[in-house]
Protein backbone atom coordinates (compact mmCIF):
# COMPACT_ATOMS: atom_id res chain seq x y z
CA MET A 1 9.48 142.27 231.19
CA ALA A 2 9.15 142.49 234.95
CA ASN A 3 10.30 145.78 236.41
CA LEU A 4 13.06 144.45 238.65
CA ASN A 5 16.38 145.87 239.71
CA GLY A 6 17.95 142.45 239.98
CA TYR A 7 17.51 138.90 241.17
CA LYS A 8 17.50 140.06 244.80
CA ASP A 9 14.13 141.72 244.11
CA LEU A 10 12.55 138.38 243.18
CA ILE A 11 10.27 136.96 245.86
CA VAL A 12 11.45 133.46 244.92
CA TYR A 13 15.07 134.48 245.55
CA LYS A 14 14.20 136.03 248.92
CA LYS A 15 12.34 132.88 249.97
CA ALA A 16 15.15 130.61 248.75
CA PHE A 17 17.75 132.67 250.60
CA GLN A 18 15.77 132.63 253.84
CA LEU A 19 15.20 128.88 253.49
CA SER A 20 18.95 128.32 253.17
CA MET A 21 19.58 130.40 256.27
CA ASP A 22 16.88 128.56 258.24
CA ILE A 23 18.36 125.22 257.19
CA PHE A 24 21.84 126.42 258.16
CA GLU A 25 20.58 127.28 261.64
CA ILE A 26 18.64 124.06 262.19
CA SER A 27 21.48 121.90 260.83
CA LYS A 28 23.83 123.26 263.50
CA SER A 29 22.09 120.86 265.88
CA PHE A 30 22.66 117.77 263.70
CA PRO A 31 25.03 115.16 265.17
CA THR A 32 28.74 115.65 264.47
CA GLU A 33 28.90 112.34 262.61
CA GLU A 34 26.58 113.93 260.01
CA LYS A 35 28.93 116.89 259.42
CA TYR A 36 30.36 115.59 256.14
CA SER A 37 27.23 113.86 254.93
CA LEU A 38 23.70 115.05 255.67
CA THR A 39 24.66 118.43 257.13
CA ASP A 40 26.92 119.24 254.20
CA GLN A 41 24.42 117.98 251.61
CA ILE A 42 21.37 119.84 252.91
CA ARG A 43 23.35 123.07 253.30
CA ARG A 44 24.80 122.80 249.80
CA SER A 45 21.51 122.02 248.06
CA SER A 46 19.58 124.72 249.92
CA ARG A 47 22.24 127.35 249.18
CA SER A 48 22.33 126.33 245.54
CA VAL A 49 18.66 127.18 245.00
CA GLY A 50 19.31 130.91 245.34
CA ALA A 51 22.75 130.67 243.76
CA GLN A 52 21.28 129.18 240.58
CA ILE A 53 18.74 132.01 240.40
CA ALA A 54 21.54 134.54 240.83
CA GLU A 55 23.70 132.83 238.20
CA GLY A 56 20.82 132.66 235.75
CA TRP A 57 19.75 136.29 236.12
CA PRO A 58 22.38 137.81 233.79
CA LYS A 59 21.57 135.11 231.23
CA ARG A 60 18.00 136.43 230.77
CA ARG A 61 18.84 137.72 227.29
CA TYR A 62 19.13 134.06 226.28
CA ILE A 63 15.83 132.48 227.26
CA LYS A 64 17.03 128.87 227.00
CA LEU A 65 20.05 129.53 229.24
CA PHE A 66 17.91 131.37 231.75
CA VAL A 67 15.34 128.56 231.85
CA SER A 68 18.14 126.01 232.22
CA LYS A 69 19.40 127.76 235.36
CA LEU A 70 15.85 127.94 236.74
CA ILE A 71 15.48 124.21 236.14
CA ASP A 72 18.78 123.63 237.96
CA SER A 73 17.49 125.74 240.84
CA GLN A 74 14.27 123.75 240.93
CA GLY A 75 16.28 120.52 241.02
CA GLU A 76 18.26 121.81 244.00
CA ALA A 77 15.00 122.70 245.75
CA CYS A 78 13.76 119.14 245.17
CA GLU A 79 17.03 117.78 246.55
CA THR A 80 16.65 120.00 249.61
CA SER A 81 13.17 118.57 250.14
CA HIS A 82 14.68 115.07 250.05
CA TRP A 83 17.29 115.98 252.68
CA LEU A 84 14.55 117.48 254.85
CA ASP A 85 12.75 114.12 254.64
CA VAL A 86 15.96 112.33 255.66
CA SER A 87 16.41 114.76 258.56
CA LEU A 88 12.88 114.03 259.74
CA ALA A 89 13.28 110.25 259.36
CA ALA A 90 16.49 110.40 261.40
CA ASN A 91 14.70 112.44 264.10
CA TYR A 92 17.04 115.41 263.66
CA ILE A 93 14.13 117.79 263.13
CA SER A 94 10.58 117.85 264.44
CA VAL A 95 7.51 117.15 262.34
CA GLU A 96 6.55 120.81 262.73
CA LYS A 97 9.95 122.12 261.59
CA HIS A 98 9.94 119.69 258.67
CA LYS A 99 6.51 120.90 257.59
CA GLU A 100 7.51 124.56 257.91
CA LEU A 101 10.71 124.18 255.89
CA ASN A 102 9.30 121.74 253.35
CA ASP A 103 6.29 123.99 252.71
CA ILE A 104 8.65 126.85 251.85
CA CYS A 105 10.69 124.50 249.69
CA VAL A 106 7.59 123.42 247.76
CA GLU A 107 6.48 127.04 247.40
CA VAL A 108 9.87 127.92 245.90
CA GLN A 109 9.59 124.96 243.51
CA LYS A 110 6.15 126.16 242.37
CA MET A 111 7.37 129.72 241.88
CA LEU A 112 10.31 128.47 239.83
CA ASP A 113 7.93 126.32 237.78
CA SER A 114 5.88 129.41 236.98
CA MET A 115 9.02 131.27 235.89
CA ILE A 116 10.08 128.32 233.74
CA LYS A 117 6.69 128.32 232.01
CA THR A 118 6.71 132.09 231.36
CA PRO A 119 10.35 133.18 231.13
CA GLU A 120 9.53 136.05 228.77
CA LYS A 121 8.18 137.98 231.78
CA PHE A 122 11.75 138.14 233.08
CA CYS A 123 13.84 138.14 229.91
CA LYS A 124 15.19 141.08 227.97
């Protein structure tokens, strides 16, 4: 089992948290008509990535439950990537900002995939 004090020690959690904060900041500049649609959706999905990791952490004693939460987190990361694509297509973010945020999003997805494939490294 990994020698960790909690989910906040996980690199994937730290990256997911920072991604959600970066998306929060950039989405402040989205048009007001997007407040209850795109802005809300991208903030919710990006915040849920880390939240699912946090929720799954105490469930590590049950591998299938833990993996299920990791899969949910990965799904939220994929959704976030979709909303980043929409933001780019609508010209709300630059190509450079899209690449920066999407690259982090993909990295988080890959890290979660690795955890899903080898959950015993994290489970009690």
